[in-house]
Amino acid sequence: MEKESYKKEYKVLKDIIEKKLDEYVPIKYPEEIYQSMKYSLNAGGKRLRPIMALEVCKMLSGSFEKAIPTACAIEMLHTQSLIHDDLPCMDNDDYRRGKLTNHKAFSESTAVLAGDALLSYAPKLIIEKSKLSANIIMELIREFCIAAGVDGIISGQIVDIDSENKKISSETLDYIHEYKTAKLFILAIKAGAIIAEGTTKQIQELEKFAKVFGHAFQIYDDILDEVSTLEELGKTPGKDANTHKATYTSIFGLDNAKNKVRLLCTQCCDILENNKMNSIILKGIVSDIMERVC
């Protein structure tokens, strides 16, 4: 019954996010850039990060509506990172979420500009569409800039690229996971808590949850890259091995990677339980990942 409730509630939040993303980015002149932005925004995906932002806000305050603009802005940032990650100068992939990558569907120059456009459009959305106090908006913009910039995913990406064809330490691998992946989950979950005006303790514990979950999610993604088909994965499988990327599976092996994901997911559940944070959505997301690596 709880699994059914989780799926139902998840779909409700996902449908809201997708409807609002479509509404927030209308097609206007110059049409090509807006079409390119919407192409990647509407390409599908789990919408994990914005859903987590909405759920945390609801869990702490009783409602999620005031977090919708920020949640959509976070999904725009995530989409921007994927557009740029797929570029020939980066991971050079032809598929994302089962569709041609942005630079294949449009052009390399348009994809670069679409990513840039989403990166600047997202904070504008938080400022213009949020019915929040100026102090909370400023705090959200600060957290957004941290996650989007050199203190976040950019540093994770540069270390990831620099680590190709190299033997790296587990500390460096942890750094890549934290900055390339966990920082966006931290942004999403902290944003939900900030909008809900959660306590300092609640925000600290939720940030801890997001960091652990981010590591689990990246290792889970590494596993899928190794064992999934193009249809299952939505992007080119085996790409990490072919480009000699440093991943948890390449360093520690597939079985150890699965064990690590289970351990981290258990830690996530413990954080929620110990802090009496009862969320079907957060627990369901963690359970989904744990079940898929079994």
Protein backbone atom coordinates (compact mmCIF):
# COMPACT_ATOMS: atom_id res chain seq x y z
CA MET A 1 0.00 0.00 0.00
CA GLU A 2 2.82 2.43 0.86
CA LYS A 3 4.48 1.65 -2.50
CA GLU A 4 1.24 2.51 -4.30
CA SER A 5 0.90 5.75 -2.31
CA TYR A 6 4.50 6.66 -3.14
CA LYS A 7 3.97 6.15 -6.88
CA LYS A 8 0.73 8.12 -6.83
CA GLU A 9 2.17 11.06 -4.87
CA TYR A 10 5.34 11.05 -6.99
CA LYS A 11 3.29 11.25 -10.19
CA VAL A 12 1.25 14.17 -8.84
CA LEU A 13 4.42 16.17 -8.11
CA LYS A 14 6.04 15.18 -11.40
CA ASP A 15 3.00 16.26 -13.40
CA ILE A 16 2.99 19.63 -11.63
CA ILE A 17 6.68 20.19 -12.40
CA GLU A 18 6.29 19.26 -16.06
CA LYS A 19 3.22 21.45 -16.53
CA LYS A 20 4.95 24.43 -14.92
CA LEU A 21 8.19 23.95 -16.87
CA ASP A 22 6.20 24.09 -20.09
CA GLU A 23 4.32 27.17 -18.87
CA TYR A 24 7.43 29.02 -17.66
CA VAL A 25 9.27 28.74 -21.03
CA PRO A 26 6.99 29.95 -23.85
CA ILE A 27 8.12 29.86 -27.46
CA LYS A 28 8.87 33.35 -28.75
CA TYR A 29 11.40 35.12 -30.94
CA PRO A 30 14.12 34.00 -31.55
CA GLU A 31 12.26 30.70 -31.72
CA GLU A 32 15.26 28.40 -32.13
CA ILE A 33 16.75 29.13 -28.71
CA TYR A 34 13.43 28.65 -26.91
CA GLN A 35 12.75 25.47 -28.88
CA SER A 36 16.20 24.17 -27.94
CA MET A 37 15.63 24.98 -24.25
CA LYS A 38 12.21 23.30 -24.26
CA TYR A 39 13.52 20.30 -26.22
CA SER A 40 15.81 19.30 -23.35
CA LEU A 41 13.47 20.46 -20.58
CA ASN A 42 10.65 18.34 -22.01
CA ALA A 43 12.80 15.31 -22.83
CA GLY A 44 11.54 13.47 -19.75
CA GLY A 45 13.54 12.19 -16.82
CA LYS A 46 12.62 11.37 -13.25
CA ARG A 47 12.46 15.04 -12.06
CA LEU A 48 14.06 13.82 -8.82
CA ARG A 49 15.57 17.13 -7.74
CA PRO A 50 12.50 19.37 -8.12
CA ILE A 51 10.29 16.67 -6.60
CA MET A 52 12.60 16.47 -3.59
CA ALA A 53 12.45 20.26 -3.21
CA LEU A 54 8.65 20.20 -3.23
CA GLU A 55 8.46 17.22 -0.87
CA VAL A 56 10.83 18.72 1.71
CA CYS A 57 8.86 21.97 1.68
CA LYS A 58 5.63 20.04 2.17
CA MET A 59 7.13 17.82 4.88
CA LEU A 60 8.26 20.82 6.95
CA SER A 61 5.47 23.31 6.26
CA GLY A 62 2.44 21.33 5.16
CA SER A 63 2.33 22.62 1.56
CA PHE A 64 4.60 22.76 -1.49
CA GLU A 65 3.01 25.40 -3.76
CA LYS A 66 5.37 28.22 -2.77
CA ALA A 67 8.37 26.06 -3.76
CA ILE A 68 7.23 25.38 -7.34
CA PRO A 69 9.20 28.21 -9.08
CA THR A 70 12.40 27.29 -7.26
CA ALA A 71 11.90 23.57 -7.96
CA CYS A 72 11.51 24.34 -11.68
CA ALA A 73 14.60 26.57 -11.60
CA ILE A 74 16.59 23.68 -10.13
CA GLU A 75 15.41 21.39 -12.93
CA MET A 76 16.53 24.04 -15.43
CA LEU A 77 19.97 24.05 -13.85
CA HIS A 78 20.10 20.25 -13.97
CA THR A 79 19.03 20.28 -17.64
CA GLN A 80 21.69 22.86 -18.44
CA SER A 81 24.34 20.64 -16.89
CA LEU A 82 23.18 17.69 -19.03
CA ILE A 83 23.16 19.72 -22.27
CA HIS A 84 26.74 20.85 -21.65
CA ASP A 85 27.85 17.45 -20.33
CA ASP A 86 26.78 15.82 -23.62
CA LEU A 87 28.74 18.25 -25.84
CA PRO A 88 31.58 16.92 -28.04
CA CYS A 89 34.13 18.80 -25.93
CA MET A 90 32.83 17.08 -22.77
CA ASP A 91 31.31 13.55 -22.75
CA ASN A 92 30.40 13.64 -26.46
CA ASP A 93 27.17 11.64 -26.27
CA ASP A 94 24.51 11.25 -28.94
CA TYR A 95 21.58 10.31 -26.68
CA ARG A 96 20.02 11.61 -23.49
CA ARG A 97 16.80 10.27 -21.96
CA GLY A 98 16.28 8.15 -25.07
CA LYS A 99 16.38 11.12 -27.47
CA LEU A 100 19.08 12.77 -29.52
CA THR A 101 21.17 15.10 -27.39
CA ASN A 102 20.59 18.81 -27.84
CA HIS A 103 23.62 19.42 -30.04
CA LYS A 104 22.52 16.55 -32.31
CA ALA A 105 18.92 17.73 -32.54
CA PHE A 106 19.95 21.37 -33.15
CA SER A 107 23.63 22.33 -33.43
CA GLU A 108 26.61 22.54 -31.12
CA SER A 109 26.43 26.33 -30.95
CA THR A 110 22.70 26.31 -30.22
CA ALA A 111 23.18 23.70 -27.48
CA VAL A 112 25.85 25.82 -25.79
CA LEU A 113 23.56 28.86 -25.91
CA ALA A 114 20.54 26.86 -24.71
CA GLY A 115 22.51 25.73 -21.68
CA ASP A 116 23.64 29.30 -21.02
CA ALA A 117 20.06 30.52 -21.42
CA LEU A 118 18.69 28.01 -18.89
CA LEU A 119 21.46 28.87 -16.44
CA SER A 120 20.47 32.55 -16.44
CA TYR A 121 16.71 31.96 -16.84
CA ALA A 122 16.50 29.83 -13.68
CA PRO A 123 17.43 32.45 -11.02
CA LYS A 124 15.27 35.01 -12.86
CA LEU A 125 12.38 32.58 -12.39
CA ILE A 126 13.01 32.34 -8.64
CA ILE A 127 13.04 36.14 -8.33
CA GLU A 128 10.02 36.89 -10.52
CA LYS A 129 7.67 34.00 -9.77
CA SER A 130 8.28 33.26 -6.08
CA LYS A 131 5.89 34.75 -3.52
CA LEU A 132 8.53 34.75 -0.81
CA SER A 133 10.28 37.34 1.33
CA ALA A 134 13.29 39.14 -0.12
CA ASN A 135 15.55 37.50 2.48
CA ILE A 136 14.46 33.99 1.52
CA ILE A 137 14.83 34.76 -2.20
CA MET A 138 18.35 36.06 -1.58
CA GLU A 139 19.22 32.91 0.35
CA LEU A 140 17.86 30.73 -2.46
CA ILE A 141 19.83 32.62 -5.11
CA ARG A 142 22.98 32.24 -3.00
CA GLU A 143 22.45 28.46 -2.73
CA PHE A 144 21.71 28.29 -6.45
CA CYS A 145 24.94 30.10 -7.35
CA ILE A 146 26.98 27.85 -5.05
CA ALA A 147 25.60 24.69 -6.66
CA ALA A 148 25.82 26.01 -10.24
CA GLY A 149 29.30 27.52 -10.02
CA VAL A 150 32.88 26.76 -9.17
CA ASP A 151 31.89 25.82 -5.61
CA GLY A 152 29.58 23.17 -7.06
CA ILE A 153 29.10 21.23 -10.27
CA ILE A 154 31.77 23.04 -12.28
CA SER A 155 34.53 21.87 -9.95
CA GLY A 156 33.08 18.36 -9.97
CA GLN A 157 33.05 18.34 -13.76
CA ILE A 158 36.60 19.64 -14.19
CA VAL A 159 38.04 17.08 -11.76
CA ASP A 160 36.00 14.35 -13.48
CA ILE A 161 37.42 15.31 -16.89
CA ASP A 162 40.94 15.61 -15.49
CA SER A 163 40.65 12.13 -13.95
CA GLU A 164 40.07 10.32 -17.24
CA ASN A 165 42.78 7.77 -18.09
CA LYS A 166 44.28 8.19 -14.62
CA LYS A 167 44.44 6.13 -11.46
CA ILE A 168 42.86 8.31 -8.79
CA SER A 169 42.40 8.03 -5.03
CA SER A 170 39.11 7.23 -3.34
CA GLU A 171 39.22 10.78 -1.90
CA THR A 172 39.29 12.26 -5.40
CA LEU A 173 36.44 10.00 -6.47
CA ASP A 174 34.41 11.14 -3.44
CA TYR A 175 35.13 14.76 -4.42
CA ILE A 176 33.80 14.13 -7.94
CA HIS A 177 30.65 12.49 -6.59
CA GLU A 178 30.01 15.26 -4.08
CA TYR A 179 30.59 18.18 -6.41
CA LYS A 180 29.36 16.79 -9.72
CA THR A 181 26.26 15.05 -8.36
CA ALA A 182 25.48 15.60 -4.67
CA LYS A 183 25.63 19.42 -4.87
CA LEU A 184 22.44 19.55 -6.96
CA PHE A 185 20.61 17.28 -4.53
CA ILE A 186 21.85 19.44 -1.66
CA LEU A 187 20.53 22.52 -3.47
CA ALA A 188 17.12 20.93 -4.05
CA ILE A 189 16.64 19.68 -0.51
CA LYS A 190 18.05 22.78 1.19
CA ALA A 191 15.89 25.00 -1.03
CA GLY A 192 12.75 23.15 0.05
CA ALA A 193 13.76 23.50 3.70
CA ILE A 194 14.64 27.20 3.34
CA ILE A 195 11.30 27.99 1.70
CA ALA A 196 9.52 26.07 4.49
CA GLU A 197 11.54 28.09 7.03
CA GLY A 198 12.89 24.92 8.62
CA THR A 199 15.05 25.04 11.73
CA THR A 200 18.84 25.12 11.53
CA LYS A 201 18.93 21.53 12.81
CA GLN A 202 16.43 20.36 10.20
CA ILE A 203 18.37 22.01 7.38
CA GLN A 204 21.66 20.53 8.61
CA GLU A 205 20.23 17.01 8.82
CA LEU A 206 18.55 17.30 5.43
CA GLU A 207 21.80 18.54 3.90
CA LYS A 208 23.50 15.46 5.37
CA PHE A 209 20.79 13.28 3.82
CA ALA A 210 21.23 14.97 0.42
CA LYS A 211 25.00 14.53 0.47
CA VAL A 212 24.78 10.81 1.28
CA PHE A 213 21.99 10.33 -1.28
CA GLY A 214 24.05 12.14 -3.94
CA HIS A 215 26.94 9.72 -3.47
CA ALA A 216 24.54 6.76 -3.61
CA PHE A 217 22.88 8.09 -6.76
CA GLN A 218 26.18 8.57 -8.61
CA ILE A 219 27.41 5.07 -7.80
CA TYR A 220 23.99 3.74 -8.83
CA ASP A 221 24.37 5.65 -12.12
CA ASP A 222 27.83 4.12 -12.59
CA ILE A 223 26.32 0.66 -12.11
CA LEU A 224 23.56 1.33 -14.66
CA ASP A 225 26.13 2.53 -17.19
CA GLU A 226 27.80 -0.85 -16.93
CA VAL A 227 24.79 -3.18 -16.94
CA SER A 228 21.97 -1.39 -18.83
CA THR A 229 20.99 -1.20 -22.49
CA LEU A 230 20.46 2.03 -24.47
CA GLU A 231 16.67 1.57 -24.13
CA GLU A 232 16.89 1.13 -20.35
CA LEU A 233 19.47 3.85 -19.74
CA GLY A 234 18.29 6.47 -22.24
CA LYS A 235 21.90 7.31 -23.10
CA THR A 236 24.86 5.42 -24.54
CA PRO A 237 25.73 2.53 -22.17
CA GLY A 238 29.33 1.58 -21.46
CA LYS A 239 30.45 5.15 -22.17
CA ASP A 240 32.36 5.44 -18.89
CA ALA A 241 34.47 2.38 -19.61
CA ASN A 242 35.05 3.35 -23.24
CA THR A 243 36.32 6.80 -22.25
CA HIS A 244 38.28 5.42 -19.27
CA LYS A 245 36.37 7.49 -16.75
CA ALA A 246 37.09 7.07 -13.06
CA THR A 247 33.98 5.48 -11.56
CA TYR A 248 33.22 3.50 -8.43
CA THR A 249 32.67 0.35 -10.50
CA SER A 250 35.96 0.73 -12.39
CA ILE A 251 37.94 1.20 -9.17
CA PHE A 252 36.16 -1.12 -6.73
CA GLY A 253 34.21 -3.50 -8.95
CA LEU A 254 30.49 -4.06 -9.57
CA ASP A 255 29.70 -6.08 -6.44
CA ASN A 256 31.41 -3.59 -4.13
CA ALA A 257 29.56 -0.77 -5.88
CA LYS A 258 26.21 -2.46 -5.22
CA ASN A 259 27.13 -3.00 -1.58
CA LYS A 260 28.15 0.65 -1.24
CA VAL A 261 24.82 1.84 -2.66
CA ARG A 262 22.92 -0.34 -0.18
CA LEU A 263 25.02 1.01 2.70
CA LEU A 264 24.50 4.65 1.68
CA CYS A 265 20.76 4.15 1.14
CA THR A 266 20.51 2.63 4.62
CA GLN A 267 22.27 5.70 6.00
CA CYS A 268 19.74 7.93 4.21
CA CYS A 269 16.85 6.04 5.80
CA ASP A 270 18.51 6.28 9.21
CA ILE A 271 18.85 10.07 8.91
CA LEU A 272 15.14 10.40 8.13
CA GLU A 273 14.16 7.99 10.91
CA ASN A 274 16.42 9.54 13.55
CA ASN A 275 15.01 12.99 12.83
CA LYS A 276 11.38 11.82 12.66
CA MET A 277 11.09 13.02 9.06
CA ASN A 278 8.22 10.95 7.73
CA SER A 279 8.18 11.27 3.95
CA ILE A 280 6.77 8.58 1.66
CA ILE A 281 8.43 10.32 -1.30
CA LEU A 282 11.96 10.53 0.13
CA LYS A 283 11.82 6.98 1.51
CA GLY A 284 10.36 5.71 -1.77
CA ILE A 285 13.11 7.32 -3.87
CA VAL A 286 15.79 5.76 -1.69
CA SER A 287 14.04 2.35 -1.76
CA ASP A 288 13.76 2.47 -5.55
CA ILE A 289 17.52 2.85 -5.91
CA MET A 290 18.26 0.15 -3.37
CA GLU A 291 15.89 -2.29 -5.09
CA ARG A 292 17.33 -1.68 -8.56
CA VAL A 293 20.87 -2.61 -7.50
CA CYS A 294 19.77 -5.87 -5.84
